[in-house]
């Protein structure tokens, strides 16, 4: 039904798996798995460049999700918690 592509390779002593086509299909996305860690990378862009534009505008959003690690804080900031200093 969906075109799911998965590739595995060795990076030093670790096995790295890249998989696309299973989740976030409306964006160009890949799930990177290394050891017990999984990271979703999703990119949305226009296929054609604007005429007269000589640069590539890029925005990066980084979010740490505490509930993904099983750390659900109590108090005022329930599910997500307060953004860390590393987040954008």
PDB file of N, CA and C in Angstrom:
ATOM      1  N   UNK A   1       0.827  -1.183   0.000  1.00  0.00           N
ATOM      2  CA  UNK A   1       0.000   0.000   0.000  1.00  0.00           C
ATOM      3  C   UNK A   1       0.875   1.252   0.000  1.00  0.00           C
ATOM      4  N   UNK A   2       1.805   1.349   0.943  1.00  0.00           N
ATOM      5  CA  UNK A   2       2.730   2.475   0.997  1.00  0.00           C
ATOM      6  C   UNK A   2       4.107   1.992   0.584  1.00  0.00           C
ATOM      7  N   UNK A   3       4.890   2.906   0.031  1.00  0.00           N
ATOM      8  CA  UNK A   3       6.247   2.578  -0.380  1.00  0.00           C
ATOM      9  C   UNK A   3       7.185   2.792   0.807  1.00  0.00           C
ATOM     10  N   UNK A   4       7.374   1.760   1.615  1.00  0.00           N
ATOM     11  CA  UNK A   4       8.226   1.839   2.795  1.00  0.00           C
ATOM     12  C   UNK A   4       9.611   1.337   2.414  1.00  0.00           C
ATOM     13  N   UNK A   5      10.614   2.192   2.625  1.00  0.00           N
ATOM     14  CA  UNK A   5      11.997   1.851   2.299  1.00  0.00           C
ATOM     15  C   UNK A   5      12.805   1.871   3.585  1.00  0.00           C
ATOM     16  N   UNK A   6      13.580   0.821   3.822  1.00  0.00           N
ATOM     17  CA  UNK A   6      14.401   0.721   5.020  1.00  0.00           C
ATOM     18  C   UNK A   6      15.804   0.273   4.629  1.00  0.00           C
ATOM     19  N   UNK A   7      16.808   1.002   5.107  1.00  0.00           N
ATOM     20  CA  UNK A   7      18.213   0.669   4.844  1.00  0.00           C
ATOM     21  C   UNK A   7      18.955   0.620   6.171  1.00  0.00           C
ATOM     22  N   UNK A   8      19.817  -0.371   6.334  1.00  0.00           N
ATOM     23  CA  UNK A   8      20.613  -0.528   7.543  1.00  0.00           C
ATOM     24  C   UNK A   8      22.088  -0.560   7.165  1.00  0.00           C
ATOM     25  N   UNK A   9      22.908   0.142   7.964  1.00  0.00           N
ATOM     26  CA  UNK A   9      24.350   0.138   7.727  1.00  0.00           C
ATOM     27  C   UNK A   9      25.071   0.238   9.063  1.00  0.00           C
ATOM     28  N   UNK A  10      26.348  -0.070   9.052  1.00  0.00           N
ATOM     29  CA  UNK A  10      27.183  -0.011  10.250  1.00  0.00           C
ATOM     30  C   UNK A  10      27.858   1.345  10.344  1.00  0.00           C
ATOM     31  N   UNK A  11      27.812   1.962  11.514  1.00  0.00           N
ATOM     32  CA  UNK A  11      28.509   3.205  11.809  1.00  0.00           C
ATOM     33  C   UNK A  11      29.374   2.945  13.029  1.00  0.00           C
ATOM     34  N   UNK A  12      30.624   2.620  12.805  1.00  0.00           N
ATOM     35  CA  UNK A  12      31.488   2.195  13.903  1.00  0.00           C
ATOM     36  C   UNK A  12      31.006   0.857  14.415  1.00  0.00           C
ATOM     37  N   UNK A  13      30.744   0.774  15.705  1.00  0.00           N
ATOM     38  CA  UNK A  13      30.244  -0.468  16.294  1.00  0.00           C
ATOM     39  C   UNK A  13      28.722  -0.525  16.317  1.00  0.00           C
ATOM     40  N   UNK A  14      28.052   0.566  15.932  1.00  0.00           N
ATOM     41  CA  UNK A  14      26.591   0.653  16.003  1.00  0.00           C
ATOM     42  C   UNK A  14      25.942   0.328  14.659  1.00  0.00           C
ATOM     43  N   UNK A  15      24.750  -0.200  14.711  1.00  0.00           N
ATOM     44  CA  UNK A  15      23.936  -0.438  13.524  1.00  0.00           C
ATOM     45  C   UNK A  15      22.931   0.709  13.403  1.00  0.00           C
ATOM     46  N   UNK A  16      22.886   1.359  12.244  1.00  0.00           N
ATOM     47  CA  UNK A  16      21.997   2.499  12.004  1.00  0.00           C
ATOM     48  C   UNK A  16      20.969   2.089  10.959  1.00  0.00           C
ATOM     49  N   UNK A  17      19.693   2.374  11.234  1.00  0.00           N
ATOM     50  CA  UNK A  17      18.616   2.073  10.299  1.00  0.00           C
ATOM     51  C   UNK A  17      17.926   3.365   9.898  1.00  0.00           C
ATOM     52  N   UNK A  18      17.756   3.563   8.592  1.00  0.00           N
ATOM     53  CA  UNK A  18      17.008   4.693   8.037  1.00  0.00           C
ATOM     54  C   UNK A  18      15.742   4.133   7.409  1.00  0.00           C
ATOM     55  N   UNK A  19      14.586   4.665   7.807  1.00  0.00           N
ATOM     56  CA  UNK A  19      13.311   4.174   7.276  1.00  0.00           C
ATOM     57  C   UNK A  19      12.442   5.349   6.857  1.00  0.00           C
ATOM     58  N   UNK A  20      11.868   5.260   5.680  1.00  0.00           N
ATOM     59  CA  UNK A  20      10.987   6.307   5.181  1.00  0.00           C
ATOM     60  C   UNK A  20       9.720   5.687   4.608  1.00  0.00           C
ATOM     61  N   UNK A  21       8.641   6.456   4.612  1.00  0.00           N
ATOM     62  CA  UNK A  21       7.384   6.000   4.031  1.00  0.00           C
ATOM     63  C   UNK A  21       6.373   5.462   5.016  1.00  0.00           C
ATOM     64  N   UNK A  22       6.725   5.305   6.277  1.00  0.00           N
ATOM     65  CA  UNK A  22       5.781   4.753   7.254  1.00  0.00           C
ATOM     66  C   UNK A  22       5.019   5.854   7.987  1.00  0.00           C
ATOM     67  N   UNK A  23       5.701   6.865   8.504  1.00  0.00           N
ATOM     68  CA  UNK A  23       5.034   7.965   9.202  1.00  0.00           C
ATOM     69  C   UNK A  23       5.449   9.288   8.581  1.00  0.00           C
ATOM     70  N   UNK A  24       4.667  10.331   8.822  1.00  0.00           N
ATOM     71  CA  UNK A  24       4.906  11.687   8.290  1.00  0.00           C
ATOM     72  C   UNK A  24       5.055  11.653   6.775  1.00  0.00           C
ATOM     73  N   UNK A  25       4.106  11.030   6.113  1.00  0.00           N
ATOM     74  CA  UNK A  25       4.187  10.853   4.659  1.00  0.00           C
ATOM     75  C   UNK A  25       3.899  12.131   3.885  1.00  0.00           C
ATOM     76  N   UNK A  26       3.266  13.128   4.493  1.00  0.00           N
ATOM     77  CA  UNK A  26       3.013  14.379   3.780  1.00  0.00           C
ATOM     78  C   UNK A  26       4.257  15.238   3.695  1.00  0.00           C
ATOM     79  N   UNK A  27       5.268  14.918   4.463  1.00  0.00           N
ATOM     80  CA  UNK A  27       6.551  15.625   4.416  1.00  0.00           C
ATOM     81  C   UNK A  27       7.600  14.644   3.909  1.00  0.00           C
ATOM     82  N   UNK A  28       8.733  15.161   3.535  1.00  0.00           N
ATOM     83  CA  UNK A  28       9.870  14.293   3.241  1.00  0.00           C
ATOM     84  C   UNK A  28      10.467  13.928   4.592  1.00  0.00           C
ATOM     85  N   UNK A  29      10.276  12.690   5.019  1.00  0.00           N
ATOM     86  CA  UNK A  29      10.666  12.335   6.380  1.00  0.00           C
ATOM     87  C   UNK A  29      11.453  11.038   6.403  1.00  0.00           C
ATOM     88  N   UNK A  30      12.197  10.862   7.477  1.00  0.00           N
ATOM     89  CA  UNK A  30      12.949   9.636   7.717  1.00  0.00           C
ATOM     90  C   UNK A  30      13.005   9.408   9.226  1.00  0.00           C
ATOM     91  N   UNK A  31      12.947   8.154   9.627  1.00  0.00           N
ATOM     92  CA  UNK A  31      13.139   7.776  11.020  1.00  0.00           C
ATOM     93  C   UNK A  31      14.516   7.130  11.107  1.00  0.00           C
ATOM     94  N   UNK A  32      15.382   7.713  11.928  1.00  0.00           N
ATOM     95  CA  UNK A  32      16.742   7.211  12.115  1.00  0.00           C
ATOM     96  C   UNK A  32      16.777   6.460  13.437  1.00  0.00           C
ATOM     97  N   UNK A  33      17.209   5.195  13.399  1.00  0.00           N
ATOM     98  CA  UNK A  33      17.298   4.367  14.596  1.00  0.00           C
ATOM     99  C   UNK A  33      18.745   3.949  14.796  1.00  0.00           C
ATOM    100  N   UNK A  34      19.260   4.220  15.995  1.00  0.00           N
ATOM    101  CA  UNK A  34      20.629   3.815  16.342  1.00  0.00           C
ATOM    102  C   UNK A  34      20.622   3.364  17.787  1.00  0.00           C
ATOM    103  N   UNK A  35      20.859   2.095  18.007  1.00  0.00           N
ATOM    104  CA  UNK A  35      20.762   1.542  19.359  1.00  0.00           C
ATOM    105  C   UNK A  35      19.311   1.587  19.803  1.00  0.00           C
ATOM    106  N   UNK A  36      19.048   2.174  20.957  1.00  0.00           N
ATOM    107  CA  UNK A  36      17.680   2.293  21.453  1.00  0.00           C
ATOM    108  C   UNK A  36      17.070   3.657  21.211  1.00  0.00           C
ATOM    109  N   UNK A  37      17.699   4.472  20.363  1.00  0.00           N
ATOM    110  CA  UNK A  37      17.244   5.843  20.133  1.00  0.00           C
ATOM    111  C   UNK A  37      16.645   5.960  18.737  1.00  0.00           C
ATOM    112  N   UNK A  38      15.471   6.585  18.648  1.00  0.00           N
ATOM    113  CA  UNK A  38      14.833   6.857  17.363  1.00  0.00           C
ATOM    114  C   UNK A  38      14.586   8.349  17.243  1.00  0.00           C
ATOM    115  N   UNK A  39      14.900   8.900  16.058  1.00  0.00           N
ATOM    116  CA  UNK A  39      14.708  10.321  15.793  1.00  0.00           C
ATOM    117  C   UNK A  39      13.919  10.457  14.501  1.00  0.00           C
ATOM    118  N   UNK A  40      12.847  11.262  14.530  1.00  0.00           N
ATOM    119  CA  UNK A  40      12.072  11.564  13.331  1.00  0.00           C
ATOM    120  C   UNK A  40      12.578  12.875  12.757  1.00  0.00           C
ATOM    121  N   UNK A  41      12.956  12.852  11.476  1.00  0.00           N
ATOM    122  CA  UNK A  41      13.404  14.048  10.773  1.00  0.00           C
ATOM    123  C   UNK A  41      12.411  14.291   9.646  1.00  0.00           C
ATOM    124  N   UNK A  42      11.764  15.462   9.639  1.00  0.00           N
ATOM    125  CA  UNK A  42      10.771  15.790   8.616  1.00  0.00           C
ATOM    126  C   UNK A  42      11.120  17.132   7.987  1.00  0.00           C
ATOM    127  N   UNK A  43      11.032  17.194   6.663  1.00  0.00           N
ATOM    128  CA  UNK A  43      11.353  18.409   5.914  1.00  0.00           C
ATOM    129  C   UNK A  43      10.212  18.681   4.950  1.00  0.00           C
ATOM    130  N   UNK A  44       9.766  19.923   4.918  1.00  0.00           N
ATOM    131  CA  UNK A  44       8.740  20.342   3.968  1.00  0.00           C
ATOM    132  C   UNK A  44       9.318  21.494   3.167  1.00  0.00           C
ATOM    133  N   UNK A  45       9.233  21.402   1.857  1.00  0.00           N
ATOM    134  CA  UNK A  45       9.787  22.461   1.018  1.00  0.00           C
ATOM    135  C   UNK A  45       9.065  22.544  -0.304  1.00  0.00           C
ATOM    136  N   UNK A  46       9.375  23.577  -1.043  1.00  0.00           N
ATOM    137  CA  UNK A  46       8.809  23.784  -2.364  1.00  0.00           C
ATOM    138  C   UNK A  46       9.737  23.155  -3.388  1.00  0.00           C
ATOM    139  N   UNK A  47       9.188  22.516  -4.394  1.00  0.00           N
ATOM    140  CA  UNK A  47      10.003  21.854  -5.412  1.00  0.00           C
ATOM    141  C   UNK A  47      10.683  22.848  -6.344  1.00  0.00           C
ATOM    142  N   UNK A  48      10.090  24.030  -6.527  1.00  0.00           N
ATOM    143  CA  UNK A  48      10.647  25.034  -7.434  1.00  0.00           C
ATOM    144  C   UNK A  48      11.149  26.231  -6.637  1.00  0.00           C
ATOM    145  N   UNK A  49      12.309  26.759  -7.044  1.00  0.00           N
ATOM    146  CA  UNK A  49      12.859  27.950  -6.395  1.00  0.00           C
ATOM    147  C   UNK A  49      12.167  29.192  -6.929  1.00  0.00           C
ATOM    148  N   UNK A  50      12.071  30.216  -6.084  1.00  0.00           N
ATOM    149  CA  UNK A  50      11.501  31.484  -6.516  1.00  0.00           C
ATOM    150  C   UNK A  50      12.493  32.191  -7.425  1.00  0.00           C
ATOM    151  N   UNK A  51      11.996  32.811  -8.462  1.00  0.00           N
ATOM    152  CA  UNK A  51      12.892  33.511  -9.378  1.00  0.00           C
ATOM    153  C   UNK A  51      13.473  34.750  -8.703  1.00  0.00           C
ATOM    154  N   UNK A  52      14.764  34.988  -8.916  1.00  0.00           N
ATOM    155  CA  UNK A  52      15.429  36.140  -8.340  1.00  0.00           C
ATOM    156  C   UNK A  52      15.899  35.948  -6.912  1.00  0.00           C
ATOM    157  N   UNK A  53      15.680  34.780  -6.337  1.00  0.00           N
ATOM    158  CA  UNK A  53      16.095  34.531  -4.961  1.00  0.00           C
ATOM    159  C   UNK A  53      17.438  33.808  -4.981  1.00  0.00           C
ATOM    160  N   UNK A  54      18.461  34.406  -4.368  1.00  0.00           N
ATOM    161  CA  UNK A  54      19.798  33.831  -4.416  1.00  0.00           C
ATOM    162  C   UNK A  54      20.245  33.245  -3.075  1.00  0.00           C
ATOM    163  N   UNK A  55      19.300  32.916  -2.203  1.00  0.00           N
ATOM    164  CA  UNK A  55      19.639  32.292  -0.931  1.00  0.00           C
ATOM    165  C   UNK A  55      18.591  31.240  -0.614  1.00  0.00           C
ATOM    166  N   UNK A  56      18.874  30.436   0.384  1.00  0.00           N
ATOM    167  CA  UNK A  56      17.987  29.345   0.781  1.00  0.00           C
ATOM    168  C   UNK A  56      17.509  29.601   2.204  1.00  0.00           C
ATOM    169  N   UNK A  57      16.271  30.093   2.376  1.00  0.00           N
ATOM    170  CA  UNK A  57      15.776  30.328   3.733  1.00  0.00           C
ATOM    171  C   UNK A  57      15.536  28.993   4.447  1.00  0.00           C
ATOM    172  N   UNK A  58      16.032  28.895   5.655  1.00  0.00           N
ATOM    173  CA  UNK A  58      15.934  27.644   6.396  1.00  0.00           C
ATOM    174  C   UNK A  58      15.528  27.931   7.835  1.00  0.00           C
ATOM    175  N   UNK A  59      14.545  27.189   8.311  1.00  0.00           N
ATOM    176  CA  UNK A  59      14.108  27.283   9.698  1.00  0.00           C
ATOM    177  C   UNK A  59      14.237  25.905  10.327  1.00  0.00           C
ATOM    178  N   UNK A  60      14.848  25.832  11.491  1.00  0.00           N
ATOM    179  CA  UNK A  60      15.031  24.566  12.194  1.00  0.00           C
ATOM    180  C   UNK A  60      14.297  24.651  13.524  1.00  0.00           C
ATOM    181  N   UNK A  61      13.424  23.689  13.789  1.00  0.00           N
ATOM    182  CA  UNK A  61      12.726  23.589  15.071  1.00  0.00           C
ATOM    183  C   UNK A  61      13.183  22.318  15.765  1.00  0.00           C
ATOM    184  N   UNK A  62      13.705  22.459  16.964  1.00  0.00           N
ATOM    185  CA  UNK A  62      14.169  21.322  17.756  1.00  0.00           C
ATOM    186  C   UNK A  62      13.340  21.272  19.029  1.00  0.00           C
ATOM    187  N   UNK A  63      12.719  20.119  19.293  1.00  0.00           N
ATOM    188  CA  UNK A  63      11.895  19.968  20.491  1.00  0.00           C
ATOM    189  C   UNK A  63      12.246  18.666  21.188  1.00  0.00           C
ATOM    190  N   UNK A  64      12.466  18.747  22.479  1.00  0.00           N
ATOM    191  CA  UNK A  64      12.646  17.550  23.290  1.00  0.00           C
ATOM    192  C   UNK A  64      11.303  17.204  23.912  1.00  0.00           C
ATOM    193  N   UNK A  65      10.881  15.979  23.760  1.00  0.00           N
ATOM    194  CA  UNK A  65       9.612  15.537  24.324  1.00  0.00           C
ATOM    195  C   UNK A  65       9.893  14.664  25.541  1.00  0.00           C
ATOM    196  N   UNK A  66       9.528  15.153  26.714  1.00  0.00           N
ATOM    197  CA  UNK A  66       9.822  14.416  27.938  1.00  0.00           C
ATOM    198  C   UNK A  66       8.991  13.146  28.054  1.00  0.00           C
ATOM    199  N   UNK A  67       7.776  13.155  27.532  1.00  0.00           N
ATOM    200  CA  UNK A  67       6.936  11.969  27.654  1.00  0.00           C
ATOM    201  C   UNK A  67       7.457  10.833  26.791  1.00  0.00           C
ATOM    202  N   UNK A  68       8.255  11.125  25.762  1.00  0.00           N
ATOM    203  CA  UNK A  68       8.834  10.073  24.929  1.00  0.00           C
ATOM    204  C   UNK A  68       9.846   9.249  25.719  1.00  0.00           C
ATOM    205  N   UNK A  69      10.458   9.857  26.719  1.00  0.00           N
ATOM    206  CA  UNK A  69      11.426   9.153  27.561  1.00  0.00           C
ATOM    207  C   UNK A  69      10.771   8.597  28.821  1.00  0.00           C
ATOM    208  N   UNK A  70       9.456   8.758  28.946  1.00  0.00           N
ATOM    209  CA  UNK A  70       8.755   8.272  30.128  1.00  0.00           C
ATOM    210  C   UNK A  70       8.858   9.206  31.314  1.00  0.00           C
ATOM    211  N   UNK A  71       9.259  10.442  31.083  1.00  0.00           N
ATOM    212  CA  UNK A  71       9.402  11.428  32.155  1.00  0.00           C
ATOM    213  C   UNK A  71       8.243  12.411  32.073  1.00  0.00           C
ATOM    214  N   UNK A  72       7.181  12.154  32.807  1.00  0.00           N
ATOM    215  CA  UNK A  72       6.015  13.027  32.790  1.00  0.00           C
ATOM    216  C   UNK A  72       6.001  13.805  34.099  1.00  0.00           C
ATOM    217  N   UNK A  73       6.285  15.107  34.034  1.00  0.00           N
ATOM    218  CA  UNK A  73       6.358  15.891  35.268  1.00  0.00           C
ATOM    219  C   UNK A  73       4.973  16.211  35.819  1.00  0.00           C
ATOM    220  N   UNK A  74       4.912  16.482  37.101  1.00  0.00           N
ATOM    221  CA  UNK A  74       3.676  16.925  37.722  1.00  0.00           C
ATOM    222  C   UNK A  74       3.687  18.427  37.876  1.00  0.00           C
ATOM    223  N   UNK A  75       2.673  18.969  38.505  1.00  0.00           N
ATOM    224  CA  UNK A  75       2.624  20.408  38.722  1.00  0.00           C
ATOM    225  C   UNK A  75       1.977  21.139  37.561  1.00  0.00           C
ATOM    226  N   UNK A  76       2.367  22.427  37.395  1.00  0.00           N
ATOM    227  CA  UNK A  76       1.730  23.285  36.399  1.00  0.00           C
ATOM    228  C   UNK A  76       2.027  22.830  34.971  1.00  0.00           C
ATOM    229  N   UNK A  77       3.272  22.535  34.671  1.00  0.00           N
ATOM    230  CA  UNK A  77       3.644  22.082  33.329  1.00  0.00           C
ATOM    231  C   UNK A  77       3.466  20.570  33.279  1.00  0.00           C
ATOM    232  N   UNK A  78       2.310  20.125  32.831  1.00  0.00           N
ATOM    233  CA  UNK A  78       1.983  18.707  32.908  1.00  0.00           C
ATOM    234  C   UNK A  78       2.721  17.855  31.882  1.00  0.00           C
ATOM    235  N   UNK A  79       2.207  17.777  30.681  1.00  0.00           N
ATOM    236  CA  UNK A  79       2.693  16.785  29.733  1.00  0.00           C
ATOM    237  C   UNK A  79       4.031  17.166  29.115  1.00  0.00           C
ATOM    238  N   UNK A  80       4.110  18.329  28.511  1.00  0.00           N
ATOM    239  CA  UNK A  80       5.323  18.714  27.800  1.00  0.00           C
ATOM    240  C   UNK A  80       6.392  19.259  28.720  1.00  0.00           C
ATOM    241  N   UNK A  81       5.984  19.926  29.752  1.00  0.00           N
ATOM    242  CA  UNK A  81       6.968  20.562  30.603  1.00  0.00           C
ATOM    243  C   UNK A  81       7.435  21.869  29.990  1.00  0.00           C
ATOM    244  N   UNK A  82       8.302  22.525  30.661  1.00  0.00           N
ATOM    245  CA  UNK A  82       8.864  23.790  30.189  1.00  0.00           C
ATOM    246  C   UNK A  82       9.913  23.503  29.119  1.00  0.00           C
ATOM    247  N   UNK A  83       9.995  24.326  28.064  1.00  0.00           N
ATOM    248  CA  UNK A  83      11.037  24.109  27.043  1.00  0.00           C
ATOM    249  C   UNK A  83      12.432  24.238  27.654  1.00  0.00           C
ATOM    250  N   UNK A  84      13.339  23.382  27.197  1.00  0.00           N
ATOM    251  CA  UNK A  84      14.706  23.443  27.703  1.00  0.00           C
ATOM    252  C   UNK A  84      15.469  24.563  27.011  1.00  0.00           C
ATOM    253  N   UNK A  85      16.667  24.838  27.496  1.00  0.00           N
ATOM    254  CA  UNK A  85      17.503  25.875  26.899  1.00  0.00           C
ATOM    255  C   UNK A  85      17.997  25.474  25.514  1.00  0.00           C
ATOM    256  N   UNK A  86      18.021  24.160  25.208  1.00  0.00           N
ATOM    257  CA  UNK A  86      18.510  23.690  23.917  1.00  0.00           C
ATOM    258  C   UNK A  86      17.456  23.788  22.821  1.00  0.00           C
ATOM    259  N   UNK A  87      16.186  23.919  23.196  1.00  0.00           N
ATOM    260  CA  UNK A  87      15.115  23.958  22.204  1.00  0.00           C
ATOM    261  C   UNK A  87      15.045  25.310  21.527  1.00  0.00           C
ATOM    262  N   UNK A  88      14.555  25.290  20.298  1.00  0.00           N
ATOM    263  CA  UNK A  88      14.358  26.542  19.560  1.00  0.00           C
ATOM    264  C   UNK A  88      12.891  26.863  19.488  1.00  0.00           C
TER     265      UNK A  88
END
